[in-house]
């Protein structure tokens, strides 16, 4: 009898955990589409950048410093990113999220981190391509909202630096 009760408790615990994990994935997949739509399709930089994780800004600051563009910080850094992203937006003629490929949850340092793998189509004035990438979601300190690491931004900044946009 005790084995049966233990089994049932473990079964329900695991089932509940899977539901929670599935709900997290579904929520973040939906948030991915919303973010990509606002950031790239609607070109609302402010709305998209408000969702970024601070780790991205540290990496971008390092990138600008390493490429000789200055050791930027604060509002100067944010303004520089915006100018560079707008150069990309000026070349962008269409952006479409084709599909969510998968998502996975990682538990690291007492945090739940989720990676959402995406395929999108992008058309620039002189080139079109289908790209696979990922967005990484980090929970906020209060664990009520998520911040995003969108490394496409660093790719955009690199291409602007190399005068490709």
N, C-alpha and C. Protein backbone atom coordinates (compact mmCIF):
# COMPACT_ATOMS: atom_id res chain seq x y z
N UNK A 1 0.82 -1.18 0.00
CA UNK A 1 0.00 0.00 0.00
C UNK A 1 0.87 1.26 0.00
N UNK A 2 1.91 1.27 0.83
CA UNK A 2 2.79 2.43 0.92
C UNK A 2 3.51 2.66 -0.41
N UNK A 3 3.89 1.57 -1.11
CA UNK A 3 4.54 1.70 -2.42
C UNK A 3 3.57 2.33 -3.42
N UNK A 4 2.32 1.95 -3.36
CA UNK A 4 1.32 2.51 -4.27
C UNK A 4 1.14 4.00 -4.02
N UNK A 5 1.04 4.38 -2.77
CA UNK A 5 0.89 5.80 -2.42
C UNK A 5 2.12 6.59 -2.86
N UNK A 6 3.30 6.05 -2.63
CA UNK A 6 4.54 6.70 -3.04
C UNK A 6 4.56 6.86 -4.56
N UNK A 7 4.17 5.80 -5.26
CA UNK A 7 4.13 5.84 -6.72
C UNK A 7 3.17 6.93 -7.21
N UNK A 8 1.98 6.98 -6.60
CA UNK A 8 0.98 7.98 -7.00
C UNK A 8 1.47 9.40 -6.74
N UNK A 9 2.11 9.60 -5.61
CA UNK A 9 2.64 10.93 -5.29
C UNK A 9 3.70 11.32 -6.32
N UNK A 10 4.61 10.41 -6.62
CA UNK A 10 5.64 10.70 -7.62
C UNK A 10 5.04 10.93 -9.00
N UNK A 11 4.02 10.12 -9.34
CA UNK A 11 3.36 10.27 -10.63
C UNK A 11 2.74 11.66 -10.76
N UNK A 12 1.98 12.09 -9.77
CA UNK A 12 1.33 13.39 -9.81
C UNK A 12 2.34 14.54 -9.76
N UNK A 13 3.40 14.34 -8.99
CA UNK A 13 4.45 15.36 -8.93
C UNK A 13 5.09 15.53 -10.30
N UNK A 14 5.44 14.42 -10.93
CA UNK A 14 6.06 14.49 -12.26
C UNK A 14 5.09 15.04 -13.29
N UNK A 15 3.83 14.64 -13.24
CA UNK A 15 2.84 15.15 -14.17
C UNK A 15 2.67 16.66 -14.00
N UNK A 16 2.59 17.10 -12.78
CA UNK A 16 2.47 18.54 -12.50
C UNK A 16 3.68 19.30 -12.97
N UNK A 17 4.85 18.75 -12.78
CA UNK A 17 6.08 19.39 -13.23
C UNK A 17 6.10 19.51 -14.74
N UNK A 18 5.70 18.45 -15.44
CA UNK A 18 5.68 18.49 -16.90
C UNK A 18 4.69 19.53 -17.40
N UNK A 19 3.54 19.64 -16.75
CA UNK A 19 2.58 20.66 -17.14
C UNK A 19 3.20 22.04 -16.99
N UNK A 20 3.87 22.27 -15.88
CA UNK A 20 4.50 23.55 -15.64
C UNK A 20 5.56 23.82 -16.70
N UNK A 21 6.38 22.83 -17.00
CA UNK A 21 7.41 22.98 -18.01
C UNK A 21 6.78 23.25 -19.38
N UNK A 22 5.73 22.54 -19.70
CA UNK A 22 5.04 22.75 -20.97
C UNK A 22 4.43 24.14 -21.03
N UNK A 23 3.85 24.59 -19.94
CA UNK A 23 3.26 25.93 -19.89
C UNK A 23 4.34 27.00 -20.06
N UNK A 24 5.49 26.80 -19.44
CA UNK A 24 6.60 27.74 -19.58
C UNK A 24 7.02 27.82 -21.05
N UNK A 25 7.20 26.67 -21.68
CA UNK A 25 7.60 26.64 -23.08
C UNK A 25 6.57 27.33 -23.97
N UNK A 26 5.30 27.01 -23.76
CA UNK A 26 4.25 27.63 -24.57
C UNK A 26 4.23 29.15 -24.40
N UNK A 27 4.35 29.60 -23.17
CA UNK A 27 4.36 31.03 -22.89
C UNK A 27 5.54 31.71 -23.57
N UNK A 28 6.71 31.11 -23.48
CA UNK A 28 7.90 31.74 -24.06
C UNK A 28 7.93 31.65 -25.58
N UNK A 29 7.34 30.62 -26.13
CA UNK A 29 7.22 30.55 -27.59
C UNK A 29 6.31 31.67 -28.10
N UNK A 30 5.22 31.91 -27.38
CA UNK A 30 4.32 33.00 -27.74
C UNK A 30 5.03 34.35 -27.56
N UNK A 31 5.75 34.52 -26.46
CA UNK A 31 6.50 35.74 -26.22
C UNK A 31 7.57 35.96 -27.29
N UNK A 32 8.18 34.89 -27.77
CA UNK A 32 9.17 34.99 -28.85
C UNK A 32 8.56 35.60 -30.10
N UNK A 33 7.39 35.08 -30.48
CA UNK A 33 6.72 35.61 -31.67
C UNK A 33 6.34 37.08 -31.47
N UNK A 34 5.86 37.41 -30.29
CA UNK A 34 5.49 38.81 -30.01
C UNK A 34 6.70 39.72 -30.07
N UNK A 35 7.79 39.29 -29.47
CA UNK A 35 9.02 40.10 -29.47
C UNK A 35 9.53 40.30 -30.90
N UNK A 36 9.64 39.20 -31.65
CA UNK A 36 10.15 39.31 -33.02
C UNK A 36 9.25 40.17 -33.89
N UNK A 37 7.95 40.07 -33.69
CA UNK A 37 7.01 40.89 -34.44
C UNK A 37 7.21 42.36 -34.12
N UNK A 38 7.29 42.69 -32.84
CA UNK A 38 7.47 44.09 -32.45
C UNK A 38 8.84 44.61 -32.88
N UNK A 39 9.87 43.84 -32.64
CA UNK A 39 11.23 44.31 -32.89
C UNK A 39 11.55 44.41 -34.38
N UNK A 40 11.22 43.38 -35.15
CA UNK A 40 11.67 43.33 -36.54
C UNK A 40 10.58 43.61 -37.56
N UNK A 41 9.39 43.06 -37.37
CA UNK A 41 8.33 43.33 -38.34
C UNK A 41 7.79 44.75 -38.19
N UNK A 42 7.51 45.15 -36.95
CA UNK A 42 6.95 46.48 -36.70
C UNK A 42 8.03 47.53 -36.46
N UNK A 43 9.27 47.09 -36.31
CA UNK A 43 10.44 47.95 -36.13
C UNK A 43 10.30 48.91 -34.95
N UNK A 44 9.79 48.38 -33.87
CA UNK A 44 9.62 49.17 -32.65
C UNK A 44 10.80 48.87 -31.71
N UNK A 45 11.90 49.53 -32.00
CA UNK A 45 13.14 49.32 -31.26
C UNK A 45 12.96 49.50 -29.76
N UNK A 46 12.32 50.58 -29.35
CA UNK A 46 12.19 50.87 -27.92
C UNK A 46 11.44 49.74 -27.20
N UNK A 47 10.36 49.29 -27.80
CA UNK A 47 9.57 48.24 -27.19
C UNK A 47 10.36 46.94 -27.10
N UNK A 48 11.08 46.60 -28.17
CA UNK A 48 11.88 45.38 -28.17
C UNK A 48 13.06 45.47 -27.22
N UNK A 49 13.77 46.59 -27.24
CA UNK A 49 14.97 46.71 -26.41
C UNK A 49 14.64 46.78 -24.92
N UNK A 50 13.42 47.18 -24.59
CA UNK A 50 13.01 47.18 -23.18
C UNK A 50 12.98 45.77 -22.60
N UNK A 51 12.90 44.77 -23.47
CA UNK A 51 12.82 43.39 -23.01
C UNK A 51 14.19 42.72 -22.89
N UNK A 52 15.25 43.41 -23.32
CA UNK A 52 16.57 42.79 -23.33
C UNK A 52 17.12 42.56 -21.94
N UNK A 53 17.87 41.49 -21.83
CA UNK A 53 18.60 41.17 -20.60
C UNK A 53 19.86 42.04 -20.55
N UNK A 54 20.24 42.47 -19.37
CA UNK A 54 21.42 43.34 -19.21
C UNK A 54 22.70 42.68 -19.69
N UNK A 55 22.76 41.36 -19.70
CA UNK A 55 23.94 40.66 -20.20
C UNK A 55 24.22 41.04 -21.64
N UNK A 56 23.16 41.23 -22.42
CA UNK A 56 23.33 41.64 -23.81
C UNK A 56 24.04 42.98 -23.90
N UNK A 57 23.63 43.91 -23.06
CA UNK A 57 24.23 45.25 -23.11
C UNK A 57 25.71 45.21 -22.74
N UNK A 58 26.06 44.35 -21.79
CA UNK A 58 27.47 44.20 -21.40
C UNK A 58 28.27 43.64 -22.58
N UNK A 59 27.72 42.64 -23.26
CA UNK A 59 28.39 42.05 -24.43
C UNK A 59 28.53 43.07 -25.56
N UNK A 60 27.48 43.85 -25.78
CA UNK A 60 27.51 44.86 -26.84
C UNK A 60 28.52 45.95 -26.50
N UNK A 61 28.57 46.35 -25.24
CA UNK A 61 29.54 47.35 -24.79
C UNK A 61 30.95 46.84 -25.07
N UNK A 62 31.20 45.59 -24.75
CA UNK A 62 32.50 44.97 -25.01
C UNK A 62 32.80 44.93 -26.51
N UNK A 63 31.80 44.59 -27.31
CA UNK A 63 31.96 44.54 -28.77
C UNK A 63 32.38 45.91 -29.31
N UNK A 64 31.66 46.96 -28.91
CA UNK A 64 32.00 48.30 -29.39
C UNK A 64 33.42 48.69 -28.97
N UNK A 65 33.80 48.33 -27.76
CA UNK A 65 35.14 48.65 -27.27
C UNK A 65 36.20 47.90 -28.08
N UNK A 66 35.99 46.60 -28.30
CA UNK A 66 36.97 45.78 -29.04
C UNK A 66 37.10 46.20 -30.50
N UNK A 67 36.03 46.73 -31.08
CA UNK A 67 36.09 47.13 -32.49
C UNK A 67 36.50 48.59 -32.66
N UNK A 68 36.93 49.21 -31.58
CA UNK A 68 37.44 50.57 -31.65
C UNK A 68 36.38 51.65 -31.78
N UNK A 69 35.15 51.33 -31.42
CA UNK A 69 34.07 52.31 -31.52
C UNK A 69 33.85 53.07 -30.23
N UNK A 70 34.65 52.76 -29.23
CA UNK A 70 34.58 53.48 -27.96
C UNK A 70 34.10 52.61 -26.83
N UNK A 71 34.40 53.06 -25.62
CA UNK A 71 33.95 52.37 -24.42
C UNK A 71 32.67 53.06 -23.97
N UNK A 72 31.57 52.72 -24.62
CA UNK A 72 30.30 53.39 -24.42
C UNK A 72 29.55 52.79 -23.24
N UNK A 73 28.76 53.62 -22.59
CA UNK A 73 27.92 53.11 -21.49
C UNK A 73 26.69 53.99 -21.36
N UNK A 74 25.74 53.52 -20.57
CA UNK A 74 24.53 54.30 -20.28
C UNK A 74 23.74 54.66 -21.52
N UNK A 75 23.25 55.88 -21.53
CA UNK A 75 22.39 56.33 -22.63
C UNK A 75 23.17 56.46 -23.94
N UNK A 76 24.47 56.72 -23.87
CA UNK A 76 25.29 56.79 -25.08
C UNK A 76 25.34 55.42 -25.76
N UNK A 77 25.49 54.37 -24.97
CA UNK A 77 25.48 53.01 -25.50
C UNK A 77 24.14 52.69 -26.14
N UNK A 78 23.06 53.00 -25.44
CA UNK A 78 21.72 52.72 -25.95
C UNK A 78 21.47 53.49 -27.25
N UNK A 79 21.90 54.74 -27.31
CA UNK A 79 21.72 55.55 -28.52
C UNK A 79 22.52 54.97 -29.69
N UNK A 80 23.73 54.52 -29.43
CA UNK A 80 24.57 53.94 -30.48
C UNK A 80 23.94 52.65 -31.02
N UNK A 81 23.45 51.82 -30.13
CA UNK A 81 22.78 50.58 -30.58
C UNK A 81 21.58 50.93 -31.46
N UNK A 82 20.80 51.91 -31.02
CA UNK A 82 19.60 52.31 -31.78
C UNK A 82 19.97 52.81 -33.18
N UNK A 83 20.99 53.63 -33.27
CA UNK A 83 21.43 54.15 -34.58
C UNK A 83 21.85 52.99 -35.48
N UNK A 84 22.61 52.04 -34.93
CA UNK A 84 23.08 50.90 -35.73
C UNK A 84 21.92 49.99 -36.14
N UNK A 85 21.00 49.74 -35.24
CA UNK A 85 19.85 48.89 -35.58
C UNK A 85 18.98 49.58 -36.63
N UNK A 86 18.86 50.90 -36.56
CA UNK A 86 18.09 51.61 -37.58
C UNK A 86 18.72 51.51 -38.96
N UNK A 87 20.04 51.39 -39.04
CA UNK A 87 20.70 51.16 -40.33
C UNK A 87 20.24 49.82 -40.91
N UNK A 88 20.11 48.82 -40.05
CA UNK A 88 19.59 47.52 -40.47
C UNK A 88 18.14 47.66 -40.91
N UNK A 89 17.32 48.35 -40.11
CA UNK A 89 15.90 48.54 -40.44
C UNK A 89 15.74 49.23 -41.80
N UNK A 90 16.64 50.14 -42.13
CA UNK A 90 16.57 50.83 -43.42
C UNK A 90 16.79 49.87 -44.59
N UNK A 91 17.49 48.77 -44.36
CA UNK A 91 17.73 47.78 -45.41
C UNK A 91 16.67 46.68 -45.42
N UNK A 92 15.97 46.52 -44.31
CA UNK A 92 14.99 45.44 -44.15
C UNK A 92 13.71 45.75 -44.91
N UNK A 93 13.32 44.84 -45.80
CA UNK A 93 12.07 45.04 -46.54
C UNK A 93 10.97 44.13 -46.00
N UNK A 94 11.32 42.97 -45.46
CA UNK A 94 10.31 42.11 -44.82
C UNK A 94 10.97 41.16 -43.83
N UNK A 95 10.18 40.79 -42.85
CA UNK A 95 10.63 39.87 -41.81
C UNK A 95 9.42 39.02 -41.43
N UNK A 96 9.61 37.71 -41.40
CA UNK A 96 8.50 36.82 -41.08
C UNK A 96 9.00 35.65 -40.24
N UNK A 97 8.34 35.40 -39.13
CA UNK A 97 8.65 34.22 -38.33
C UNK A 97 8.01 33.03 -39.02
N UNK A 98 8.83 32.12 -39.52
CA UNK A 98 8.31 30.95 -40.23
C UNK A 98 7.75 29.92 -39.26
N UNK A 99 8.56 29.60 -38.24
CA UNK A 99 8.07 28.62 -37.27
C UNK A 99 8.98 28.59 -36.04
N UNK A 100 8.39 28.11 -34.98
CA UNK A 100 9.15 27.81 -33.77
C UNK A 100 9.61 26.37 -33.93
N UNK A 101 10.91 26.18 -33.91
CA UNK A 101 11.46 24.84 -34.13
C UNK A 101 11.37 23.97 -32.88
N UNK A 102 11.75 24.54 -31.77
CA UNK A 102 11.69 23.81 -30.49
C UNK A 102 12.02 24.77 -29.37
N UNK A 103 11.89 24.28 -28.18
CA UNK A 103 12.31 25.06 -27.02
C UNK A 103 12.81 24.08 -25.97
N UNK A 104 13.73 24.55 -25.18
CA UNK A 104 14.24 23.70 -24.11
C UNK A 104 14.49 24.54 -22.87
N UNK A 105 14.27 23.91 -21.76
CA UNK A 105 14.46 24.57 -20.47
C UNK A 105 15.73 24.04 -19.84
N UNK A 106 16.48 24.96 -19.29
CA UNK A 106 17.74 24.62 -18.63
C UNK A 106 17.67 25.18 -17.22
N UNK A 107 18.08 24.40 -16.28
CA UNK A 107 18.11 24.87 -14.89
C UNK A 107 19.57 25.10 -14.54
N UNK A 108 19.88 26.37 -14.26
CA UNK A 108 21.27 26.74 -14.04
C UNK A 108 21.34 27.75 -12.91
N UNK A 109 22.15 27.46 -11.94
CA UNK A 109 22.39 28.38 -10.83
C UNK A 109 21.07 28.86 -10.21
N UNK A 110 20.21 27.91 -9.93
CA UNK A 110 18.89 28.17 -9.32
C UNK A 110 17.99 29.06 -10.18
N UNK A 111 18.24 29.10 -11.49
CA UNK A 111 17.41 29.86 -12.41
C UNK A 111 16.87 28.91 -13.47
N UNK A 112 15.71 29.25 -13.97
CA UNK A 112 15.14 28.55 -15.10
C UNK A 112 15.43 29.40 -16.32
N UNK A 113 16.20 28.87 -17.24
CA UNK A 113 16.54 29.57 -18.47
C UNK A 113 15.92 28.78 -19.61
N UNK A 114 15.32 29.49 -20.55
CA UNK A 114 14.68 28.80 -21.66
C UNK A 114 15.27 29.29 -22.98
N UNK A 115 15.53 28.36 -23.87
CA UNK A 115 16.01 28.67 -25.22
C UNK A 115 14.89 28.33 -26.19
N UNK A 116 14.52 29.30 -27.01
CA UNK A 116 13.49 29.07 -28.02
C UNK A 116 14.18 29.17 -29.38
N UNK A 117 14.11 28.06 -30.13
CA UNK A 117 14.76 27.98 -31.44
C UNK A 117 13.73 28.35 -32.51
N UNK A 118 14.13 29.25 -33.39
CA UNK A 118 13.21 29.88 -34.33
C UNK A 118 13.79 29.82 -35.74
N UNK A 119 12.89 29.75 -36.69
CA UNK A 119 13.27 29.93 -38.09
C UNK A 119 12.50 31.13 -38.61
N UNK A 120 13.22 32.06 -39.25
CA UNK A 120 12.55 33.22 -39.81
C UNK A 120 13.09 33.53 -41.20
N UNK A 121 12.29 34.26 -41.96
CA UNK A 121 12.70 34.71 -43.29
C UNK A 121 12.89 36.22 -43.23
N UNK A 122 13.97 36.64 -43.82
CA UNK A 122 14.34 38.05 -43.80
C UNK A 122 14.67 38.48 -45.22
N UNK A 123 14.11 39.59 -45.63
CA UNK A 123 14.45 40.17 -46.93
C UNK A 123 15.03 41.55 -46.71
N UNK A 124 16.20 41.73 -47.25
CA UNK A 124 16.85 43.04 -47.24
C UNK A 124 16.76 43.59 -48.66
N UNK A 125 17.14 44.81 -48.88
CA UNK A 125 17.02 45.41 -50.20
C UNK A 125 17.71 44.59 -51.29
N UNK A 126 18.79 43.90 -50.95
CA UNK A 126 19.55 43.18 -51.98
C UNK A 126 19.70 41.69 -51.70
N UNK A 127 18.97 41.16 -50.70
CA UNK A 127 19.21 39.77 -50.35
C UNK A 127 18.05 39.25 -49.50
N UNK A 128 17.71 37.99 -49.71
CA UNK A 128 16.71 37.31 -48.88
C UNK A 128 17.29 36.00 -48.39
N UNK A 129 16.93 35.63 -47.18
CA UNK A 129 17.40 34.35 -46.66
C UNK A 129 16.51 33.86 -45.54
N UNK A 130 16.61 32.56 -45.30
CA UNK A 130 15.93 31.93 -44.17
C UNK A 130 17.00 31.63 -43.14
N UNK A 131 16.73 32.02 -41.90
CA UNK A 131 17.73 31.93 -40.84
C UNK A 131 17.16 31.17 -39.66
N UNK A 132 18.00 30.35 -39.05
CA UNK A 132 17.63 29.68 -37.80
C UNK A 132 18.46 30.29 -36.69
N UNK A 133 17.80 30.61 -35.61
CA UNK A 133 18.48 31.23 -34.48
C UNK A 133 17.74 30.87 -33.20
N UNK A 134 18.17 31.45 -32.10
CA UNK A 134 17.47 31.22 -30.84
C UNK A 134 17.40 32.50 -30.04
N UNK A 135 16.38 32.56 -29.23
CA UNK A 135 16.25 33.59 -28.22
C UNK A 135 16.40 32.90 -26.88
N UNK A 136 17.10 33.53 -25.96
CA UNK A 136 17.26 32.97 -24.62
C UNK A 136 16.48 33.85 -23.66
N UNK A 137 15.69 33.21 -22.83
CA UNK A 137 14.87 33.92 -21.85
C UNK A 137 15.42 33.69 -20.45
N UNK A 138 15.60 34.79 -19.73
CA UNK A 138 16.12 34.77 -18.37
C UNK A 138 15.02 35.34 -17.46
N UNK A 139 14.72 34.69 -16.34
CA UNK A 139 13.70 35.25 -15.46
C UNK A 139 14.22 36.51 -14.76
N UNK A 140 13.31 37.46 -14.54
CA UNK A 140 13.68 38.67 -13.81
C UNK A 140 13.93 38.30 -12.35
N UNK A 141 14.45 39.24 -11.59
CA UNK A 141 14.76 38.95 -10.18
C UNK A 141 13.52 38.56 -9.39
N UNK A 142 12.38 39.16 -9.73
CA UNK A 142 11.16 38.82 -9.01
C UNK A 142 10.49 37.55 -9.57
N UNK A 143 11.07 37.00 -10.64
CA UNK A 143 10.60 35.78 -11.30
C UNK A 143 9.17 35.89 -11.82
N UNK A 144 8.74 37.12 -12.11
CA UNK A 144 7.39 37.32 -12.64
C UNK A 144 7.41 37.65 -14.12
N UNK A 145 8.56 38.12 -14.62
CA UNK A 145 8.69 38.46 -16.03
C UNK A 145 9.96 37.84 -16.57
N UNK A 146 10.13 37.91 -17.88
CA UNK A 146 11.30 37.34 -18.54
C UNK A 146 12.02 38.44 -19.30
N UNK A 147 13.35 38.35 -19.33
CA UNK A 147 14.15 39.22 -20.19
C UNK A 147 14.70 38.35 -21.31
N UNK A 148 15.11 39.00 -22.39
CA UNK A 148 15.50 38.28 -23.60
C UNK A 148 16.96 38.57 -23.95
N UNK A 149 17.64 37.53 -24.37
CA UNK A 149 18.95 37.68 -25.00
C UNK A 149 18.72 37.37 -26.48
N UNK A 150 18.82 38.41 -27.31
CA UNK A 150 18.62 38.30 -28.75
C UNK A 150 19.96 38.60 -29.42
N UNK A 151 20.69 37.55 -29.76
CA UNK A 151 22.04 37.75 -30.29
C UNK A 151 22.04 38.15 -31.76
N UNK A 152 20.87 38.20 -32.38
CA UNK A 152 20.77 38.77 -33.73
C UNK A 152 21.21 40.23 -33.68
N UNK A 153 20.94 40.89 -32.58
CA UNK A 153 21.34 42.30 -32.43
C UNK A 153 22.85 42.43 -32.57
N UNK A 154 23.60 41.56 -31.94
CA UNK A 154 25.07 41.64 -32.04
C UNK A 154 25.52 41.38 -33.47
N UNK A 155 24.83 40.48 -34.17
CA UNK A 155 25.13 40.22 -35.58
C UNK A 155 24.86 41.47 -36.42
N UNK A 156 23.75 42.14 -36.14
CA UNK A 156 23.42 43.39 -36.84
C UNK A 156 24.51 44.43 -36.61
N UNK A 157 24.92 44.60 -35.36
CA UNK A 157 25.94 45.59 -35.03
C UNK A 157 27.27 45.27 -35.70
N UNK A 158 27.60 44.00 -35.77
CA UNK A 158 28.83 43.58 -36.45
C UNK A 158 28.77 43.92 -37.94
N UNK A 159 27.64 43.65 -38.56
CA UNK A 159 27.50 43.95 -39.99
C UNK A 159 27.49 45.46 -40.25
N UNK A 160 26.91 46.23 -39.36
CA UNK A 160 26.96 47.69 -39.49
C UNK A 160 28.41 48.15 -39.38
N UNK A 161 29.15 47.60 -38.43
CA UNK A 161 30.56 47.95 -38.24
C UNK A 161 31.39 47.64 -39.48
N UNK A 162 31.02 46.58 -40.20
CA UNK A 162 31.74 46.19 -41.41
C UNK A 162 31.12 46.82 -42.66
N UNK A 163 30.23 47.81 -42.46
CA UNK A 163 29.56 48.54 -43.54
C UNK A 163 28.77 47.64 -44.48
N UNK A 164 28.17 46.59 -43.95
CA UNK A 164 27.33 45.72 -44.75
C UNK A 164 25.88 46.17 -44.77
N UNK A 165 25.54 47.09 -43.88
CA UNK A 165 24.19 47.69 -43.86
C UNK A 165 24.34 49.19 -44.01
